[in-house]
Amino acid sequence: SGLLMRLQTSAPTIRTLSSSNSFSQNLPSCLWKLGRLNHVAIAVPDLEKAQSLYKDVLGAQVSETVALPEHGVYTVFVELGNTKLELLHPLGEKSPIASFLQKNKTGGMHHICIEVDDIKAAMTELKKKKIRILSEEPKIGAHGKPVIFLHPKDCHGVLVELEQA
């Protein structure tokens, strides 16, 4: 639990810096706002082993496994106080996580999820700014809220999920 404690105690420092006015002065006015980091998703080849690491070794609160057939994944959430980790494991042959794990045998970071206050306005504005969205319409995500994914090639190599807050 030492690692988790260090992660949690360093968070207020990061939050203080990120809420500083110096970053927001040059932002263009927007019809929608980015919110907090909801989770970081990690693709894992062995879900039970990953659950055990976070629960038994690191002492985190770990949810039950939930199947999301429409997304082709099993999900488990690890509570970290100010955010979560989402453990992803393939469900079915057409799972995007199965193809990710074929390229990354030991697993790894899959995506980050950031909350937005208006997902439809975000989609409209992002399309105008030539950011590719991986679906025509939002899908219902693991938290029961609308989500979209932004193309990693438009986001510096990171798959970004936006979730309606």
Protein backbone atom coordinates (compact mmCIF):
# COMPACT_ATOMS: atom_id res chain seq x y z
CA SER A 1 0.00 0.00 0.00
CA GLY A 2 3.05 2.29 0.04
CA LEU A 3 2.84 2.96 -3.71
CA LEU A 4 -0.87 3.81 -3.54
CA MET A 5 -0.24 6.10 -0.58
CA ARG A 6 2.47 7.95 -2.52
CA LEU A 7 0.17 8.27 -5.55
CA GLN A 8 -2.66 9.65 -3.41
CA THR A 9 -0.50 12.07 -1.43
CA SER A 10 1.07 13.53 -4.56
CA ALA A 11 -2.33 14.23 -6.16
CA PRO A 12 -3.14 17.52 -4.32
CA THR A 13 0.12 19.03 -5.60
CA ILE A 14 -0.82 18.15 -9.16
CA ARG A 15 -4.39 19.41 -8.71
CA THR A 16 -3.15 22.73 -7.32
CA LEU A 17 -0.92 23.25 -10.33
CA SER A 18 -3.59 22.27 -12.85
CA SER A 19 -6.17 24.67 -11.41
CA SER A 20 -3.76 27.60 -11.67
CA ASN A 21 -5.01 30.53 -13.77
CA SER A 22 -1.85 30.76 -15.85
CA PHE A 23 -2.91 27.72 -17.93
CA SER A 24 -6.46 28.85 -18.68
CA GLN A 25 -5.82 32.44 -19.80
CA ASN A 26 -5.02 31.56 -23.42
CA LEU A 27 -7.81 29.04 -24.01
CA PRO A 28 -10.34 29.83 -26.76
CA SER A 29 -13.95 30.07 -25.60
CA CYS A 30 -15.67 26.73 -25.94
CA LEU A 31 -19.26 25.48 -25.91
CA TRP A 32 -18.18 22.59 -23.68
CA LYS A 33 -15.68 22.08 -20.87
CA LEU A 34 -13.21 19.36 -20.02
CA GLY A 35 -13.67 17.97 -16.53
CA ARG A 36 -11.65 15.67 -14.34
CA LEU A 37 -9.64 12.60 -15.29
CA ASN A 38 -12.17 9.82 -14.81
CA HIS A 39 -9.83 6.85 -15.30
CA VAL A 40 -6.75 5.40 -16.96
CA ALA A 41 -7.49 2.10 -18.71
CA ILE A 42 -5.01 -0.77 -18.77
CA ALA A 43 -5.38 -3.80 -21.06
CA VAL A 44 -4.45 -6.98 -19.20
CA PRO A 45 -3.89 -10.52 -20.55
CA ASP A 46 -4.79 -12.10 -17.16
CA LEU A 47 -7.65 -10.31 -15.40
CA GLU A 48 -7.51 -12.34 -12.17
CA LYS A 49 -3.77 -11.75 -11.81
CA ALA A 50 -4.23 -8.00 -12.39
CA GLN A 51 -7.11 -7.84 -9.89
CA SER A 52 -4.95 -9.63 -7.34
CA LEU A 53 -2.05 -7.20 -7.85
CA TYR A 54 -4.17 -4.14 -7.09
CA LYS A 55 -6.28 -5.75 -4.34
CA ASP A 56 -3.95 -8.15 -2.52
CA VAL A 57 -0.52 -6.61 -3.14
CA LEU A 58 -1.31 -2.87 -3.30
CA GLY A 59 -4.39 -2.93 -1.04
CA ALA A 60 -6.77 -1.04 -3.36
CA GLN A 61 -10.55 -1.36 -3.52
CA VAL A 62 -11.33 -3.43 -6.61
CA SER A 63 -14.80 -3.85 -8.19
CA GLU A 64 -16.38 -7.05 -9.44
CA THR A 65 -15.81 -8.00 -13.08
CA VAL A 66 -18.46 -6.61 -15.43
CA ALA A 67 -18.99 -7.88 -19.00
CA LEU A 68 -19.69 -5.20 -21.63
CA PRO A 69 -20.45 -7.27 -24.76
CA GLU A 70 -21.28 -4.17 -26.86
CA HIS A 71 -17.68 -2.97 -26.29
CA GLY A 72 -16.12 -6.47 -26.42
CA VAL A 73 -14.55 -6.18 -22.96
CA TYR A 74 -14.64 -7.30 -19.37
CA THR A 75 -13.98 -4.37 -17.03
CA VAL A 76 -12.81 -4.07 -13.44
CA PHE A 77 -12.39 -0.72 -11.70
CA VAL A 78 -9.67 -0.01 -9.15
CA GLU A 79 -10.49 2.92 -6.84
CA LEU A 80 -7.61 5.35 -6.25
CA GLY A 81 -9.30 8.05 -4.18
CA ASN A 82 -9.24 10.88 -6.71
CA THR A 83 -9.56 8.72 -9.86
CA LYS A 84 -9.72 5.09 -11.02
CA LEU A 85 -7.87 2.52 -13.06
CA GLU A 86 -9.96 0.44 -15.47
CA LEU A 87 -8.63 -3.05 -16.12
CA LEU A 88 -9.73 -4.28 -19.57
CA HIS A 89 -9.79 -7.88 -20.76
CA PRO A 90 -11.08 -9.19 -24.14
CA LEU A 91 -14.64 -10.48 -24.47
CA GLY A 92 -15.22 -12.26 -27.80
CA GLU A 93 -13.05 -12.56 -30.93
CA LYS A 94 -13.83 -9.08 -32.26
CA SER A 95 -12.70 -7.38 -29.05
CA PRO A 96 -10.50 -4.32 -29.63
CA ILE A 97 -8.60 -5.41 -26.51
CA ALA A 98 -7.77 -8.80 -28.10
CA SER A 99 -6.03 -7.05 -31.01
CA PHE A 100 -4.28 -4.64 -28.60
CA LEU A 101 -2.96 -7.62 -26.60
CA GLN A 102 -1.74 -9.36 -29.78
CA LYS A 103 0.58 -6.38 -30.31
CA ASN A 104 1.32 -5.87 -26.58
CA LYS A 105 1.59 -9.38 -25.11
CA THR A 106 2.03 -8.27 -21.49
CA GLY A 107 -0.69 -5.61 -21.67
CA GLY A 108 -0.28 -1.90 -21.10
CA MET A 109 -1.99 1.46 -21.01
CA HIS A 110 -4.91 1.45 -23.44
CA HIS A 111 -6.64 4.85 -23.02
CA ILE A 112 -7.38 7.76 -20.73
CA CYS A 113 -10.91 8.93 -19.97
CA ILE A 114 -11.73 12.59 -19.32
CA GLU A 115 -15.16 13.87 -18.35
CA VAL A 116 -16.91 16.56 -20.42
CA ASP A 117 -19.99 18.61 -19.52
CA ASP A 118 -21.60 18.35 -23.01
CA ILE A 119 -20.54 15.41 -25.16
CA LYS A 120 -22.68 16.43 -28.19
CA ALA A 121 -21.18 19.95 -28.25
CA ALA A 122 -17.72 18.40 -27.83
CA MET A 123 -18.32 16.13 -30.85
CA THR A 124 -19.49 19.02 -33.03
CA GLU A 125 -16.56 21.24 -32.12
CA LEU A 126 -13.93 18.48 -32.35
CA LYS A 127 -15.15 17.52 -35.84
CA LYS A 128 -14.82 21.18 -36.92
CA LYS A 129 -11.23 21.09 -35.62
CA LYS A 130 -10.52 17.95 -37.70
CA ILE A 131 -10.22 15.61 -34.70
CA ARG A 132 -11.44 12.17 -35.76
CA ILE A 133 -14.02 10.44 -33.55
CA LEU A 134 -14.09 6.64 -33.74
CA SER A 135 -17.92 6.37 -33.85
CA GLU A 136 -20.73 8.35 -35.46
CA GLU A 137 -22.67 8.58 -32.19
CA PRO A 138 -21.73 8.22 -28.51
CA LYS A 139 -21.99 4.71 -27.06
CA ILE A 140 -23.00 3.92 -23.49
CA GLY A 141 -19.80 3.27 -21.52
CA ALA A 142 -18.92 1.27 -18.41
CA HIS A 143 -20.44 3.92 -16.11
CA GLY A 144 -23.76 3.95 -17.98
CA LYS A 145 -23.01 7.35 -19.55
CA PRO A 146 -22.42 8.37 -23.19
CA VAL A 147 -18.78 8.08 -24.33
CA ILE A 148 -16.76 8.73 -27.49
CA PHE A 149 -13.18 7.88 -28.41
CA LEU A 150 -10.83 10.27 -30.22
CA HIS A 151 -8.39 8.90 -32.79
CA PRO A 152 -4.93 8.42 -31.21
CA LYS A 153 -3.21 9.87 -34.31
CA ASP A 154 -5.00 13.17 -33.60
CA CYS A 155 -4.09 13.06 -29.87
CA HIS A 156 -0.30 12.55 -29.88
CA GLY A 157 -0.53 8.75 -29.85
CA VAL A 158 -3.02 8.50 -26.96
CA LEU A 159 -6.49 7.00 -27.30
CA VAL A 160 -8.71 9.52 -25.49
CA GLU A 161 -12.17 8.63 -24.24
CA LEU A 162 -14.54 11.50 -23.44
CA GLU A 163 -17.38 10.69 -21.04
CA GLN A 164 -20.48 12.78 -20.33
CA ALA A 165 -20.14 13.97 -16.72
